[in-house]
Amino acid sequence: MKNVQISEELFVAIMRYFMLEQEEMLPQIKQGLEKKLDAMVMRELYTKYKTAPTEEEKKRARKEYLDRRGVPESFRW
């Protein structure tokens, strides 16, 4: 299983939520975790694009990566 690093700010928010039972931290925690998940997905797509064994898989992974990144079709080469 891989390790995942989070920011100190997110870690402190999680600690305050669970240890001090500060319910108001929940929206900040959700936002931080969603941001981290998006970054992980983007990294996985980029890695898949760079290490794909076939040209077809490479194209598909590149397209998905650029779509998620929000790069318009007219801006791609």
N, C-alpha and C. Protein backbone atom coordinates (compact mmCIF):
# COMPACT_ATOMS: atom_id res chain seq x y z
N MET A 1 0.83 -1.18 0.00
CA MET A 1 0.00 0.00 0.00
C MET A 1 0.88 1.25 0.00
N LYS A 2 0.51 2.25 -0.78
CA LYS A 2 1.27 3.48 -0.89
C LYS A 2 0.94 4.42 0.27
N ASN A 3 1.87 5.30 0.55
CA ASN A 3 1.64 6.37 1.51
C ASN A 3 1.18 7.61 0.78
N VAL A 4 0.39 8.42 1.45
CA VAL A 4 -0.11 9.66 0.88
C VAL A 4 0.25 10.79 1.83
N GLN A 5 0.81 11.85 1.28
CA GLN A 5 1.16 13.00 2.10
C GLN A 5 0.08 14.06 1.98
N ILE A 6 -0.26 14.67 3.11
CA ILE A 6 -1.21 15.78 3.12
C ILE A 6 -0.52 16.99 3.74
N SER A 7 -1.10 18.14 3.50
CA SER A 7 -0.51 19.36 4.05
C SER A 7 -0.68 19.39 5.57
N GLU A 8 0.19 20.14 6.20
CA GLU A 8 0.11 20.29 7.66
C GLU A 8 -1.22 20.93 8.05
N GLU A 9 -1.69 21.86 7.24
CA GLU A 9 -2.96 22.54 7.50
C GLU A 9 -4.12 21.55 7.52
N LEU A 10 -4.14 20.63 6.56
CA LEU A 10 -5.20 19.63 6.51
C LEU A 10 -5.08 18.67 7.69
N PHE A 11 -3.87 18.28 8.01
CA PHE A 11 -3.65 17.39 9.16
C PHE A 11 -4.15 18.02 10.45
N VAL A 12 -3.85 19.29 10.65
CA VAL A 12 -4.29 19.99 11.86
C VAL A 12 -5.82 20.08 11.89
N ALA A 13 -6.43 20.34 10.74
CA ALA A 13 -7.89 20.40 10.67
C ALA A 13 -8.51 19.05 11.04
N ILE A 14 -7.93 17.97 10.55
CA ILE A 14 -8.43 16.63 10.88
C ILE A 14 -8.25 16.36 12.37
N MET A 15 -7.12 16.74 12.90
CA MET A 15 -6.88 16.54 14.33
C MET A 15 -7.88 17.34 15.17
N ARG A 16 -8.13 18.58 14.79
CA ARG A 16 -9.09 19.40 15.54
C ARG A 16 -10.48 18.80 15.47
N TYR A 17 -10.83 18.25 14.31
CA TYR A 17 -12.15 17.65 14.14
C TYR A 17 -12.32 16.42 15.03
N PHE A 18 -11.34 15.53 15.01
CA PHE A 18 -11.46 14.28 15.76
C PHE A 18 -11.07 14.39 17.23
N MET A 19 -10.01 15.11 17.52
CA MET A 19 -9.53 15.17 18.90
C MET A 19 -10.27 16.20 19.75
N LEU A 20 -10.59 17.34 19.14
CA LEU A 20 -11.25 18.40 19.88
C LEU A 20 -12.75 18.50 19.55
N GLU A 21 -13.20 17.62 18.66
CA GLU A 21 -14.60 17.56 18.25
C GLU A 21 -15.14 18.91 17.76
N GLN A 22 -14.33 19.58 16.95
CA GLN A 22 -14.73 20.85 16.37
C GLN A 22 -15.41 20.59 15.02
N GLU A 23 -16.72 20.51 15.05
CA GLU A 23 -17.52 20.17 13.87
C GLU A 23 -17.34 21.17 12.73
N GLU A 24 -17.01 22.40 13.04
CA GLU A 24 -16.88 23.43 12.00
C GLU A 24 -15.70 23.19 11.07
N MET A 25 -14.85 22.24 11.40
CA MET A 25 -13.70 21.92 10.56
C MET A 25 -14.07 21.02 9.38
N LEU A 26 -15.25 20.41 9.43
CA LEU A 26 -15.64 19.43 8.41
C LEU A 26 -15.60 19.96 6.98
N PRO A 27 -16.16 21.16 6.68
CA PRO A 27 -16.08 21.64 5.29
C PRO A 27 -14.64 21.83 4.80
N GLN A 28 -13.77 22.33 5.67
CA GLN A 28 -12.36 22.52 5.31
C GLN A 28 -11.69 21.17 5.05
N ILE A 29 -12.02 20.17 5.85
CA ILE A 29 -11.45 18.83 5.68
C ILE A 29 -11.92 18.23 4.36
N LYS A 30 -13.22 18.33 4.09
CA LYS A 30 -13.76 17.79 2.84
C LYS A 30 -13.10 18.44 1.63
N GLN A 31 -12.95 19.76 1.68
CA GLN A 31 -12.33 20.48 0.57
C GLN A 31 -10.88 20.04 0.38
N GLY A 32 -10.15 19.91 1.48
CA GLY A 32 -8.75 19.50 1.40
C GLY A 32 -8.59 18.09 0.87
N LEU A 33 -9.47 17.18 1.30
CA LEU A 33 -9.40 15.80 0.83
C LEU A 33 -9.78 15.68 -0.64
N GLU A 34 -10.78 16.46 -1.07
CA GLU A 34 -11.16 16.46 -2.49
C GLU A 34 -10.02 16.98 -3.36
N LYS A 35 -9.36 18.03 -2.88
CA LYS A 35 -8.22 18.59 -3.62
C LYS A 35 -7.10 17.55 -3.72
N LYS A 36 -6.84 16.85 -2.64
CA LYS A 36 -5.79 15.83 -2.64
C LYS A 36 -6.16 14.68 -3.58
N LEU A 37 -7.41 14.25 -3.54
CA LEU A 37 -7.86 13.17 -4.42
C LEU A 37 -7.72 13.57 -5.88
N ASP A 38 -8.10 14.80 -6.21
CA ASP A 38 -7.95 15.29 -7.59
C ASP A 38 -6.48 15.27 -8.02
N ALA A 39 -5.61 15.69 -7.13
CA ALA A 39 -4.17 15.68 -7.44
C ALA A 39 -3.67 14.26 -7.67
N MET A 40 -4.15 13.32 -6.86
CA MET A 40 -3.74 11.93 -7.01
C MET A 40 -4.22 11.35 -8.34
N VAL A 41 -5.45 11.66 -8.72
CA VAL A 41 -6.01 11.17 -9.98
C VAL A 41 -5.23 11.76 -11.15
N MET A 42 -4.94 13.06 -11.08
CA MET A 42 -4.18 13.70 -12.16
C MET A 42 -2.79 13.08 -12.28
N ARG A 43 -2.16 12.82 -11.17
CA ARG A 43 -0.82 12.21 -11.20
C ARG A 43 -0.89 10.81 -11.80
N GLU A 44 -1.91 10.05 -11.44
CA GLU A 44 -2.07 8.70 -11.97
C GLU A 44 -2.28 8.73 -13.49
N LEU A 45 -3.12 9.66 -13.96
CA LEU A 45 -3.35 9.78 -15.41
C LEU A 45 -2.07 10.19 -16.14
N TYR A 46 -1.33 11.12 -15.56
CA TYR A 46 -0.09 11.56 -16.19
C TYR A 46 0.92 10.40 -16.26
N THR A 47 1.01 9.65 -15.18
CA THR A 47 1.92 8.50 -15.15
C THR A 47 1.50 7.46 -16.18
N LYS A 48 0.20 7.22 -16.27
CA LYS A 48 -0.32 6.26 -17.24
C LYS A 48 0.02 6.72 -18.66
N TYR A 49 -0.12 8.02 -18.91
CA TYR A 49 0.20 8.59 -20.22
C TYR A 49 1.69 8.40 -20.55
N LYS A 50 2.55 8.64 -19.58
CA LYS A 50 3.98 8.56 -19.82
C LYS A 50 4.51 7.13 -19.90
N THR A 51 3.82 6.17 -19.29
CA THR A 51 4.34 4.80 -19.23
C THR A 51 3.49 3.79 -20.00
N ALA A 52 2.53 4.25 -20.77
CA ALA A 52 1.64 3.34 -21.50
C ALA A 52 2.45 2.49 -22.48
N PRO A 53 2.16 1.19 -22.52
CA PRO A 53 2.93 0.29 -23.38
C PRO A 53 2.65 0.46 -24.88
N THR A 54 1.42 0.85 -25.22
CA THR A 54 1.09 1.02 -26.64
C THR A 54 0.76 2.47 -26.94
N GLU A 55 0.88 2.82 -28.20
CA GLU A 55 0.61 4.19 -28.62
C GLU A 55 -0.87 4.54 -28.42
N GLU A 56 -1.75 3.58 -28.63
CA GLU A 56 -3.19 3.81 -28.46
C GLU A 56 -3.52 4.12 -26.99
N GLU A 57 -2.97 3.36 -26.08
CA GLU A 57 -3.20 3.60 -24.65
C GLU A 57 -2.61 4.94 -24.23
N LYS A 58 -1.49 5.28 -24.80
CA LYS A 58 -0.85 6.56 -24.50
C LYS A 58 -1.73 7.72 -24.94
N LYS A 59 -2.31 7.60 -26.15
CA LYS A 59 -3.20 8.64 -26.66
C LYS A 59 -4.43 8.80 -25.78
N ARG A 60 -5.02 7.66 -25.40
CA ARG A 60 -6.22 7.68 -24.56
C ARG A 60 -5.94 8.33 -23.20
N ALA A 61 -4.83 7.95 -22.58
CA ALA A 61 -4.47 8.50 -21.27
C ALA A 61 -4.16 9.99 -21.38
N ARG A 62 -3.49 10.39 -22.46
CA ARG A 62 -3.17 11.80 -22.67
C ARG A 62 -4.45 12.61 -22.84
N LYS A 63 -5.38 12.09 -23.64
CA LYS A 63 -6.65 12.78 -23.85
C LYS A 63 -7.41 12.94 -22.54
N GLU A 64 -7.50 11.88 -21.75
CA GLU A 64 -8.21 11.95 -20.47
C GLU A 64 -7.53 12.95 -19.53
N TYR A 65 -6.21 12.93 -19.51
CA TYR A 65 -5.46 13.86 -18.67
C TYR A 65 -5.77 15.31 -19.07
N LEU A 66 -5.68 15.60 -20.36
CA LEU A 66 -5.90 16.96 -20.84
C LEU A 66 -7.37 17.38 -20.66
N ASP A 67 -8.30 16.44 -20.83
CA ASP A 67 -9.72 16.75 -20.60
C ASP A 67 -9.95 17.15 -19.14
N ARG A 68 -9.40 16.37 -18.22
CA ARG A 68 -9.55 16.68 -16.80
C ARG A 68 -8.85 17.98 -16.43
N ARG A 69 -7.75 18.26 -17.09
CA ARG A 69 -6.98 19.48 -16.83
C ARG A 69 -7.73 20.70 -17.38
N GLY A 70 -8.63 20.48 -18.35
CA GLY A 70 -9.42 21.56 -18.90
C GLY A 70 -8.78 22.24 -20.10
N VAL A 71 -7.87 21.55 -20.75
CA VAL A 71 -7.21 22.11 -21.93
C VAL A 71 -8.13 21.94 -23.14
N PRO A 72 -8.51 23.03 -23.81
CA PRO A 72 -9.41 22.92 -24.96
C PRO A 72 -8.77 22.14 -26.12
N GLU A 73 -9.61 21.47 -26.90
CA GLU A 73 -9.13 20.67 -28.04
C GLU A 73 -8.30 21.53 -29.01
N SER A 74 -8.71 22.77 -29.22
CA SER A 74 -8.02 23.64 -30.17
C SER A 74 -6.63 24.06 -29.68
N PHE A 75 -6.34 23.86 -28.42
CA PHE A 75 -5.07 24.26 -27.85
C PHE A 75 -4.06 23.14 -27.78
N ARG A 76 -4.49 21.93 -28.16
CA ARG A 76 -3.63 20.75 -28.07
C ARG A 76 -2.88 20.54 -29.38
N TRP A 77 -1.74 19.90 -29.30
CA TRP A 77 -0.97 19.57 -30.49
C TRP A 77 -1.06 18.12 -30.78
